[in-house]
C-alpha atoms as a PDB file:
ATOM      1  CA  MET A   1      -0.608   0.442  21.405  1.00  0.00           C
ATOM      2  CA  LYS A   2       2.334  -1.719  21.383  1.00  0.00           C
ATOM      3  CA  ILE A   3       2.402  -5.390  19.401  1.00  0.00           C
ATOM      4  CA  ASP A   4       5.019  -8.073  20.864  1.00  0.00           C
ATOM      5  CA  ILE A   5       5.863  -9.058  17.470  1.00  0.00           C
ATOM      6  CA  ALA A   6       8.348 -12.055  18.883  1.00  0.00           C
ATOM      7  CA  LYS A   7       6.051 -12.855  21.463  1.00  0.00           C
ATOM      8  CA  ILE A   8       3.140 -13.538  18.845  1.00  0.00           C
ATOM      9  CA  SER A   9       5.428 -15.344  16.739  1.00  0.00           C
ATOM     10  CA  ASP A  10       6.376 -17.295  19.290  1.00  0.00           C
ATOM     11  CA  ASP A  11       3.137 -18.796  19.986  1.00  0.00           C
ATOM     12  CA  LEU A  12       2.190 -18.695  16.415  1.00  0.00           C
ATOM     13  CA  ALA A  13       5.213 -21.381  15.943  1.00  0.00           C
ATOM     14  CA  MET A  14       4.696 -23.148  18.827  1.00  0.00           C
ATOM     15  CA  ASP A  15       1.059 -23.450  18.220  1.00  0.00           C
ATOM     16  CA  GLU A  16       0.246 -27.188  16.551  1.00  0.00           C
ATOM     17  CA  THR A  17      -2.895 -26.457  15.234  1.00  0.00           C
ATOM     18  CA  ILE A  18      -1.598 -24.240  12.870  1.00  0.00           C
ATOM     19  CA  THR A  19       0.293 -25.795   9.468  1.00  0.00           C
ATOM     20  CA  ASP A  20       3.466 -24.815   7.945  1.00  0.00           C
ATOM     21  CA  TYR A  21       0.937 -24.350   4.463  1.00  0.00           C
ATOM     22  CA  ASP A  22      -1.707 -22.065   6.632  1.00  0.00           C
ATOM     23  CA  PHE A  23       1.910 -19.671   7.494  1.00  0.00           C
ATOM     24  CA  TRP A  24       2.593 -20.039   3.412  1.00  0.00           C
ATOM     25  CA  LYS A  25      -1.161 -19.028   2.374  1.00  0.00           C
ATOM     26  CA  ALA A  26      -1.255 -16.007   5.076  1.00  0.00           C
ATOM     27  CA  LEU A  27       2.095 -15.210   3.729  1.00  0.00           C
ATOM     28  CA  GLY A  28       0.389 -15.418   0.302  1.00  0.00           C
ATOM     29  CA  GLN A  29      -2.568 -13.268   0.668  1.00  0.00           C
ATOM     30  CA  ILE A  30      -0.437 -10.216   2.882  1.00  0.00           C
ATOM     31  CA  GLU A  31       1.787 -10.543  -0.349  1.00  0.00           C
ATOM     32  CA  ASP A  32      -1.519 -10.551  -2.364  1.00  0.00           C
ATOM     33  CA  GLU A  33      -3.116  -7.432  -0.803  1.00  0.00           C
ATOM     34  CA  LEU A  34       0.261  -5.107  -0.264  1.00  0.00           C
ATOM     35  CA  PHE A  35       0.879  -5.805  -3.665  1.00  0.00           C
ATOM     36  CA  ASP A  36      -3.034  -4.357  -4.400  1.00  0.00           C
ATOM     37  CA  VAL A  37      -2.586  -1.662  -2.239  1.00  0.00           C
ATOM     38  CA  GLN A  38       1.003  -0.258  -3.858  1.00  0.00           C
ATOM     39  CA  ARG A  39      -0.716  -0.966  -7.363  1.00  0.00           C
ATOM     40  CA  ARG A  40      -3.603   1.533  -6.475  1.00  0.00           C
ATOM     41  CA  ASN A  41      -1.172   3.988  -5.078  1.00  0.00           C
ATOM     42  CA  GLN A  42      -2.185   3.940  -1.305  1.00  0.00           C
ATOM     43  CA  PRO A  43      -0.089   4.441   1.393  1.00  0.00           C
ATOM     44  CA  ILE A  44       0.827   1.001   2.700  1.00  0.00           C
ATOM     45  CA  PRO A  45      -0.915  -0.506   6.147  1.00  0.00           C
ATOM     46  CA  PHE A  46       1.210  -0.548   9.020  1.00  0.00           C
ATOM     47  CA  ARG A  47      -0.698  -3.413  10.567  1.00  0.00           C
ATOM     48  CA  LEU A  48       0.381  -5.281   7.214  1.00  0.00           C
ATOM     49  CA  ILE A  49       3.918  -5.482   7.684  1.00  0.00           C
ATOM     50  CA  GLN A  50       3.319  -5.742  10.944  1.00  0.00           C
ATOM     51  CA  GLN A  51       1.361  -9.186  10.025  1.00  0.00           C
ATOM     52  CA  ARG A  52       3.961 -10.201   7.223  1.00  0.00           C
ATOM     53  CA  ARG A  53       7.052  -9.626   9.950  1.00  0.00           C
ATOM     54  CA  ILE A  54       5.315 -11.527  12.370  1.00  0.00           C
ATOM     55  CA  ILE A  55       4.329 -14.613  10.064  1.00  0.00           C
ATOM     56  CA  SER A  56       7.292 -14.415   8.782  1.00  0.00           C
ATOM     57  CA  ILE A  57       9.038 -14.890  11.768  1.00  0.00           C
ATOM     58  CA  ALA A  58       7.078 -18.156  12.702  1.00  0.00           C
ATOM     59  CA  ARG A  59       7.411 -19.494   9.695  1.00  0.00           C
ATOM     60  CA  HIS A  60      11.102 -19.570  10.374  1.00  0.00           C
ATOM     61  CA  LYS A  61      11.174 -20.426  13.880  1.00  0.00           C
ATOM     62  CA  ARG A  62       9.087 -23.284  13.248  1.00  0.00           C
ATOM     63  CA  SER A  63      11.701 -24.361  10.185  1.00  0.00           C
ATOM     64  CA  GLY A  64      14.306 -24.860  13.095  1.00  0.00           C
ATOM     65  CA  ASN A  65      16.666 -22.412  10.514  1.00  0.00           C
END
């Protein structure tokens, strides 16, 4: 299944029901999960990498940078 990272991040950035805090919190949770996976010396799930990228792009677009 192909995921359109640009479209999803655009949609998230435009969604006024999602706050900057929500983006920050989601990224923190993903980073915590990635840390746990690495600590257990397990393979990193690709979905986590995709989620982190999508939210990072959306947050960047939202801030206007």
